[in-house]
Amino acid sequence: MALAGLIAAGALALTPGASAEAGMLDEEAAQRFAALALDCVHREYPNKIAHVMVSDEDARPPRELTPIFYGCFDWHSAVHGHWLLARLARLFPDAPFAGDARAALAQSFTEANMAGELAYFDGEGRASFERPYGLAWYLQLTAELRAWDDPQAREWAQVLAPLEDVIEDRFLTWLPNLVYPVRSGTHNQTAFGFALTLDWAREAGREELADMLAAKSRTFHLEDRACPLHYEPSGTDFLSPCLMTADLMRRVIPAADYPAWLSAYLPGIPEDGSADWLAPGVVLDPSDGHLVHLDGVNLSRAWNLQGIAASLPEGDARIASLNAAEAVHTEAGVAAVSEEHYEGSHWLASFAVYLVSGKAREAHTP
């Protein structure tokens, strides 16, 4: 059954065999998402590397440059492809795909491979490599491993720990010099990177970084007003600048103050339970690697809407419309996750799993 059919049939509803932590996700859908990640985490080509070269020695294949994260077309997609496998194997340990997921993670997470990743990060001209998008996903990967009560997962977390420290140092060096937010709808967006990194920092007890991210978020966005949601999405967005910022700010504004901030920031959220105030993005050519980003924006918008609604007090008149828009975006986004075109299949399943496994609801709030 296609994923669109799974939605229509209600197969993404929580079932008795699914972990409560898995949210809307059941084993059959998890199997389909896991298959997409298993297909790409060790598929080296096609490959797009964001790579600063300083000598002929840097002209090397991806598997030699970054020995763990060389698949799934690019480094950050390889990272969140591994995150997907870790999360689904943790939530569905007895599922048919769990053994294959573990084997793929074990193949990747070795001391030798981590030494290669660290050497790459230490190379000249790479101080801003994958900042902040890929770095934030890496931290979510290590957080997922630490949340997994499993001896092998604990070993993998230890293998990956040295790069956590490198990434933390890079954020601590970068943030004091960052004067303005990046309000794009793609990889450079700061709201997305801040949100996922802040979640990790709080879970990992990295208080200096958590405090710095929270303070910088408030400096950037506490006085934001009337975000122009009607300008979205741009033609290649996979993140909503407005909604991702609102999702970030629920993490750093006291719960009692968040509803008023949201009223000023997104004054157009209706109170009638309607969904048509926010139309899903439309993709006419899913074989185009940039246009297919709009399938991702539907998934990330849905988890933003989920988090925003969950952060409002019971009885807030906007919750019904937030939930209605989330449902429409979830249906459109999950239905688009397919193996048909690698341009989307190498990454969209990770966004779908973040949404339907309830990851957005796990965010730490003040």
Protein backbone atom coordinates (compact mmCIF):
# COMPACT_ATOMS: atom_id res chain seq x y z
CA MET A 1 0.00 0.00 0.00
CA ALA A 2 1.34 3.46 -0.89
CA LEU A 3 1.94 5.93 1.91
CA ALA A 4 -0.99 8.00 0.70
CA GLY A 5 -3.09 4.88 1.12
CA LEU A 6 -1.68 4.30 4.58
CA ILE A 7 -2.95 7.71 5.60
CA ALA A 8 -6.36 7.17 4.05
CA ALA A 9 -6.64 3.77 5.73
CA GLY A 10 -5.62 5.17 9.07
CA ALA A 11 -2.42 3.11 9.20
CA LEU A 12 -0.49 6.04 10.57
CA ALA A 13 -2.68 6.11 13.66
CA LEU A 14 -1.22 4.75 16.88
CA THR A 15 -1.85 0.99 17.02
CA PRO A 16 -1.65 -1.42 19.96
CA GLY A 17 1.66 -2.80 18.64
CA ALA A 18 3.34 0.58 18.40
CA SER A 19 5.24 2.35 21.12
CA ALA A 20 3.29 5.25 22.63
CA GLU A 21 6.42 7.32 22.06
CA ALA A 22 6.08 6.61 18.33
CA GLY A 23 3.18 9.03 18.03
CA MET A 24 1.14 8.42 14.86
CA LEU A 25 3.64 5.88 13.50
CA ASP A 26 2.98 2.15 13.22
CA GLU A 27 5.29 -0.69 12.24
CA GLU A 28 4.18 -0.94 8.61
CA ALA A 29 4.85 2.75 7.95
CA ALA A 30 8.11 2.57 9.92
CA GLN A 31 9.21 -0.29 7.68
CA ARG A 32 8.66 1.84 4.59
CA PHE A 33 10.55 4.81 5.99
CA ALA A 34 13.42 2.62 7.19
CA ALA A 35 13.75 1.04 3.74
CA LEU A 36 14.41 4.45 2.20
CA ALA A 37 17.20 5.20 4.68
CA LEU A 38 18.70 1.72 4.33
CA ASP A 39 18.78 2.25 0.59
CA CYS A 40 20.87 5.40 0.86
CA VAL A 41 23.09 5.55 3.97
CA HIS A 42 25.83 3.58 2.20
CA ARG A 43 24.99 4.60 -1.37
CA GLU A 44 27.90 6.82 -2.34
CA TYR A 45 26.68 8.13 -5.69
CA PRO A 46 25.15 10.40 -6.85
CA ASN A 47 26.79 12.76 -4.38
CA LYS A 48 26.89 16.49 -3.80
CA ILE A 49 29.74 17.62 -1.55
CA ALA A 50 30.00 21.11 -0.06
CA HIS A 51 33.74 20.89 0.02
CA VAL A 52 36.52 23.47 0.32
CA MET A 53 39.63 22.25 -1.48
CA VAL A 54 43.06 23.61 -0.56
CA SER A 55 45.20 21.09 -2.47
CA ASP A 56 45.05 18.18 -4.91
CA GLU A 57 44.88 15.85 -1.92
CA ASP A 58 41.34 17.11 -1.28
CA ALA A 59 40.13 15.65 -4.59
CA ARG A 60 39.01 12.35 -3.09
CA PRO A 61 35.78 10.30 -3.16
CA PRO A 62 33.16 10.97 -0.49
CA ARG A 63 33.78 7.67 1.35
CA GLU A 64 37.36 8.75 2.00
CA LEU A 65 36.55 12.34 2.93
CA THR A 66 33.79 11.53 5.44
CA PRO A 67 33.84 7.77 6.10
CA ILE A 68 30.62 7.64 8.12
CA PHE A 69 28.40 10.14 6.35
CA TYR A 70 29.12 9.69 2.65
CA GLY A 71 25.77 8.32 1.46
CA CYS A 72 22.30 9.76 0.86
CA PHE A 73 23.58 12.34 -1.68
CA ASP A 74 25.10 14.75 0.88
CA TRP A 75 26.57 14.82 4.38
CA HIS A 76 23.57 16.18 6.24
CA SER A 77 21.14 13.76 4.60
CA ALA A 78 23.44 10.88 5.53
CA VAL A 79 23.41 12.15 9.12
CA HIS A 80 19.65 12.30 9.41
CA GLY A 81 19.33 9.02 7.52
CA HIS A 82 21.34 7.42 10.35
CA TRP A 83 19.16 9.31 12.87
CA LEU A 84 16.06 7.80 11.23
CA LEU A 85 17.45 4.27 11.54
CA ALA A 86 18.42 4.79 15.17
CA ARG A 87 15.03 6.25 16.08
CA LEU A 88 12.97 3.59 14.32
CA ALA A 89 15.10 0.72 15.64
CA ARG A 90 14.66 2.15 19.14
CA LEU A 91 10.90 2.59 18.80
CA PHE A 92 10.32 -0.73 17.01
CA PRO A 93 13.05 -3.08 18.32
CA ASP A 94 11.25 -6.25 17.20
CA ALA A 95 10.28 -5.05 13.71
CA PRO A 96 11.65 -6.92 10.68
CA PHE A 97 13.77 -3.93 9.67
CA ALA A 98 15.41 -3.47 13.08
CA GLY A 99 18.21 -5.96 12.44
CA ASP A 100 19.12 -4.35 9.13
CA ALA A 101 19.04 -0.93 10.76
CA ARG A 102 21.40 -2.08 13.50
CA ALA A 103 23.75 -3.65 10.96
CA ALA A 104 23.89 -0.41 8.95
CA LEU A 105 24.59 1.64 12.07
CA ALA A 106 27.29 -0.80 13.18
CA GLN A 107 28.93 -0.61 9.75
CA SER A 108 29.08 3.17 10.02
CA PHE A 109 29.86 3.81 13.68
CA THR A 110 33.43 2.57 14.09
CA GLU A 111 36.40 4.23 15.72
CA ALA A 112 38.29 4.24 12.42
CA ASN A 113 35.44 5.93 10.60
CA MET A 114 35.07 8.53 13.34
CA ALA A 115 38.79 9.31 13.08
CA GLY A 116 38.21 10.10 9.41
CA GLU A 117 35.26 12.38 10.19
CA LEU A 118 37.29 14.24 12.82
CA ALA A 119 40.18 14.66 10.41
CA TYR A 120 37.82 16.11 7.82
CA PHE A 121 36.39 18.62 10.29
CA ASP A 122 39.91 19.62 11.27
CA GLY A 123 40.85 20.45 7.68
CA GLU A 124 41.63 23.97 6.53
CA GLY A 125 38.64 26.04 5.41
CA ARG A 126 35.99 23.90 7.10
CA ALA A 127 35.08 25.96 10.14
CA SER A 128 31.58 26.61 8.78
CA PHE A 129 31.02 23.14 7.29
CA GLU A 130 27.34 22.13 7.55
CA ARG A 131 26.58 24.99 9.95
CA PRO A 132 23.98 24.97 11.35
CA TYR A 133 21.73 22.45 9.59
CA GLY A 134 23.90 19.35 9.38
CA LEU A 135 25.51 20.03 12.74
CA ALA A 136 22.11 20.23 14.43
CA TRP A 137 21.05 16.92 12.89
CA TYR A 138 24.28 15.31 14.11
CA LEU A 139 23.47 16.36 17.65
CA GLN A 140 19.99 14.91 17.30
CA LEU A 141 21.55 11.64 16.18
CA THR A 142 23.72 11.42 19.30
CA ALA A 143 20.76 12.40 21.48
CA GLU A 144 18.74 9.58 19.95
CA LEU A 145 21.47 7.07 20.70
CA ARG A 146 21.68 8.23 24.31
CA ALA A 147 17.92 7.94 24.71
CA TRP A 148 18.08 4.31 23.56
CA ASP A 149 18.39 1.93 26.50
CA ASP A 150 20.60 -0.51 24.64
CA PRO A 151 24.26 -1.56 25.16
CA GLN A 152 25.15 -1.29 21.47
CA ALA A 153 23.57 2.16 21.21
CA ARG A 154 25.62 3.28 24.21
CA GLU A 155 28.78 2.08 22.48
CA TRP A 156 27.85 3.96 19.33
CA ALA A 157 27.17 7.11 21.33
CA GLN A 158 30.67 6.88 22.77
CA VAL A 159 32.15 6.48 19.30
CA LEU A 160 30.35 9.61 18.08
CA ALA A 161 31.00 11.71 21.20
CA PRO A 162 34.26 13.37 20.06
CA LEU A 163 32.54 15.08 17.15
CA GLU A 164 29.83 16.34 19.54
CA ASP A 165 32.53 18.26 21.36
CA VAL A 166 33.89 19.71 18.12
CA ILE A 167 30.41 20.84 17.08
CA GLU A 168 29.69 22.35 20.49
CA ASP A 169 32.92 24.36 20.27
CA ARG A 170 31.96 25.57 16.81
CA PHE A 171 28.61 26.85 18.02
CA LEU A 172 30.21 28.53 21.01
CA THR A 173 32.69 30.28 18.72
CA TRP A 174 30.14 31.25 16.07
CA LEU A 175 27.21 32.50 18.15
CA PRO A 176 28.91 35.53 19.78
CA ASN A 177 29.81 36.79 16.31
CA LEU A 178 26.38 36.20 14.76
CA VAL A 179 24.72 39.62 14.70
CA TYR A 180 21.57 38.77 12.72
CA PRO A 181 19.37 35.69 12.30
CA VAL A 182 19.24 33.87 8.96
CA ARG A 183 15.59 33.86 7.95
CA SER A 184 15.85 31.64 4.87
CA GLY A 185 13.79 28.53 4.22
CA THR A 186 16.77 26.27 3.56
CA HIS A 187 19.92 24.94 5.24
CA ASN A 188 21.32 28.21 6.58
CA GLN A 189 18.19 29.06 8.57
CA THR A 190 19.15 29.74 12.16
CA ALA A 191 15.77 28.99 13.79
CA PHE A 192 15.92 25.33 12.75
CA GLY A 193 19.55 24.93 13.75
CA PHE A 194 19.01 26.68 17.07
CA ALA A 195 15.92 24.59 17.93
CA LEU A 196 17.47 21.17 17.37
CA THR A 197 20.78 22.17 18.92
CA LEU A 198 19.06 23.66 21.96
CA ASP A 199 17.12 20.42 22.48
CA TRP A 200 20.40 18.49 22.42
CA ALA A 201 22.22 20.94 24.70
CA ARG A 202 19.50 20.71 27.35
CA GLU A 203 19.33 16.92 27.16
CA ALA A 204 23.12 16.61 27.28
CA GLY A 205 23.59 19.09 30.13
CA ARG A 206 25.65 21.50 28.01
CA GLU A 207 24.44 24.51 29.95
CA GLU A 208 26.75 27.13 28.45
CA LEU A 209 25.60 26.38 24.93
CA ALA A 210 21.94 26.04 25.98
CA ASP A 211 22.02 29.42 27.69
CA MET A 212 23.77 31.06 24.75
CA LEU A 213 21.27 29.67 22.24
CA ALA A 214 18.30 30.73 24.36
CA ALA A 215 19.68 34.24 24.85
CA LYS A 216 20.52 34.65 21.17
CA SER A 217 17.04 33.42 20.19
CA ARG A 218 15.40 35.98 22.45
CA THR A 219 17.67 38.74 21.12
CA PHE A 220 16.81 37.85 17.55
CA HIS A 221 13.09 37.21 17.84
CA LEU A 222 11.49 38.44 21.06
CA GLU A 223 10.46 41.71 19.39
CA ASP A 224 9.49 40.16 16.04
CA ARG A 225 6.02 41.18 14.93
CA ALA A 226 3.60 40.17 12.16
CA CYS A 227 5.78 37.64 10.38
CA PRO A 228 4.69 37.66 6.70
CA LEU A 229 3.48 34.07 6.51
CA HIS A 230 1.61 34.94 3.30
CA TYR A 231 4.99 35.35 1.56
CA GLU A 232 5.71 31.65 2.11
CA PRO A 233 6.76 29.33 0.73
CA SER A 234 9.55 30.39 -1.55
CA GLY A 235 10.16 28.12 -4.53
CA THR A 236 12.78 25.91 -2.88
CA ASP A 237 11.87 26.12 0.81
CA PHE A 238 11.87 23.02 2.98
CA LEU A 239 11.62 25.04 6.21
CA SER A 240 9.13 27.78 7.05
CA PRO A 241 10.92 30.91 8.28
CA CYS A 242 7.87 32.09 10.21
CA LEU A 243 6.66 28.80 11.71
CA MET A 244 10.13 27.50 12.53
CA THR A 245 10.81 30.69 14.46
CA ALA A 246 7.56 30.27 16.39
CA ASP A 247 8.56 26.67 17.10
CA LEU A 248 11.97 27.81 18.35
CA MET A 249 10.54 30.50 20.60
CA ARG A 250 8.27 28.10 22.49
CA ARG A 251 11.53 26.64 23.79
CA VAL A 252 12.84 29.93 25.22
CA ILE A 253 9.80 31.99 26.27
CA PRO A 254 8.05 31.16 29.55
CA ALA A 255 4.84 29.23 28.92
CA ALA A 256 2.72 32.02 30.43
CA ASP A 257 4.17 34.57 28.00
CA TYR A 258 4.16 32.48 24.83
CA PRO A 259 0.48 32.99 23.82
CA ALA A 260 0.83 36.79 23.81
CA TRP A 261 4.11 36.64 21.91
CA LEU A 262 2.49 34.37 19.32
CA SER A 263 -0.46 36.77 18.96
CA ALA A 264 1.91 39.57 18.02
CA TYR A 265 4.14 37.40 15.86
CA LEU A 266 1.43 35.51 13.91
CA PRO A 267 -1.72 37.60 14.33
CA GLY A 268 -3.51 35.86 11.44
CA ILE A 269 -4.02 32.45 13.02
CA PRO A 270 -7.81 31.98 12.87
CA GLU A 271 -9.98 30.94 15.79
CA ASP A 272 -12.66 29.09 13.83
CA GLY A 273 -10.98 25.69 13.42
CA SER A 274 -10.33 26.19 9.71
CA ALA A 275 -7.33 24.78 7.84
CA ASP A 276 -7.37 26.92 4.69
CA TRP A 277 -5.39 29.78 6.25
CA LEU A 278 -2.18 27.91 5.37
CA ALA A 279 -2.07 26.04 2.07
CA PRO A 280 0.47 23.20 1.61
CA GLY A 281 3.31 23.67 -0.83
CA VAL A 282 2.83 22.17 -4.30
CA VAL A 283 5.43 20.10 -6.17
CA LEU A 284 4.84 19.64 -9.90
CA ASP A 285 8.12 17.85 -10.66
CA PRO A 286 9.35 15.57 -7.85
CA SER A 287 12.38 14.61 -9.93
CA ASP A 288 13.75 18.15 -9.51
CA GLY A 289 15.96 18.17 -6.44
CA HIS A 290 15.18 21.80 -5.61
CA LEU A 291 11.46 21.84 -6.36
CA VAL A 292 10.90 18.71 -4.27
CA HIS A 293 11.95 20.75 -1.23
CA LEU A 294 8.31 21.83 -1.02
CA ASP A 295 7.34 18.29 0.03
CA GLY A 296 9.70 18.81 2.95
CA VAL A 297 8.22 22.16 3.87
CA ASN A 298 4.85 20.46 4.33
CA LEU A 299 6.36 17.97 6.77
CA SER A 300 8.37 20.52 8.74
CA ARG A 301 5.43 22.94 8.84
CA ALA A 302 3.30 20.12 10.26
CA TRP A 303 5.71 19.50 13.13
CA ASN A 304 5.97 23.25 13.76
CA LEU A 305 2.19 23.50 13.96
CA GLN A 306 2.11 20.48 16.25
CA GLY A 307 4.64 22.04 18.62
CA ILE A 308 3.03 25.47 18.61
CA ALA A 309 -0.41 24.04 19.39
CA ALA A 310 1.00 21.89 22.18
CA SER A 311 2.58 24.98 23.75
CA LEU A 312 -0.67 26.90 24.08
CA PRO A 313 -2.90 26.57 27.14
CA GLU A 314 -5.94 24.35 26.99
CA GLY A 315 -8.87 26.28 25.58
CA ASP A 316 -6.82 28.66 23.43
CA ALA A 317 -9.09 29.44 20.48
CA ARG A 318 -6.26 29.01 17.96
CA ILE A 319 -5.50 25.38 18.72
CA ALA A 320 -8.23 23.95 16.49
CA SER A 321 -6.99 25.85 13.44
CA LEU A 322 -3.38 24.94 14.16
CA ASN A 323 -4.40 21.28 14.40
CA ALA A 324 -6.47 21.48 11.23
CA ALA A 325 -3.60 22.97 9.24
CA GLU A 326 -1.25 20.38 10.70
CA ALA A 327 -3.50 17.55 9.51
CA VAL A 328 -3.62 18.90 5.96
CA HIS A 329 0.16 19.37 5.83
CA THR A 330 0.80 15.93 7.34
CA GLU A 331 -1.38 14.26 4.73
CA ALA A 332 0.28 16.12 1.85
CA GLY A 333 3.79 15.63 3.21
CA VAL A 334 3.62 11.95 4.12
CA ALA A 335 1.89 11.06 0.85
CA ALA A 336 4.86 12.51 -1.04
CA VAL A 337 7.43 10.23 0.62
CA SER A 338 8.23 7.71 -2.10
CA GLU A 339 11.10 5.67 -3.47
CA GLU A 340 10.29 6.77 -7.02
CA HIS A 341 12.76 9.67 -7.26
CA TYR A 342 16.05 9.70 -5.36
CA GLU A 343 15.90 13.50 -5.27
CA GLY A 344 13.27 13.14 -2.55
CA SER A 345 13.73 9.61 -1.26
CA HIS A 346 17.20 10.27 0.14
CA TRP A 347 15.88 12.72 2.76
CA LEU A 348 12.11 13.11 3.00
CA ALA A 349 11.60 10.01 5.16
CA SER A 350 13.67 11.61 7.93
CA PHE A 351 11.36 14.62 7.98
CA ALA A 352 8.34 12.32 7.99
CA VAL A 353 9.69 10.32 10.92
CA TYR A 354 10.49 13.47 12.89
CA LEU A 355 6.84 14.42 12.44
CA VAL A 356 4.86 11.22 12.81
CA SER A 357 6.97 9.70 15.58
CA GLY A 358 6.15 12.69 17.79
CA LYS A 359 9.70 14.06 18.01
CA ALA A 360 8.43 17.65 17.98
CA ARG A 361 6.55 17.04 21.22
CA GLU A 362 9.74 16.03 23.00
CA ALA A 363 11.22 19.54 22.84
CA HIS A 364 12.27 20.96 26.19
CA THR A 365 10.40 24.15 27.11
CA PRO A 366 11.13 26.62 29.93
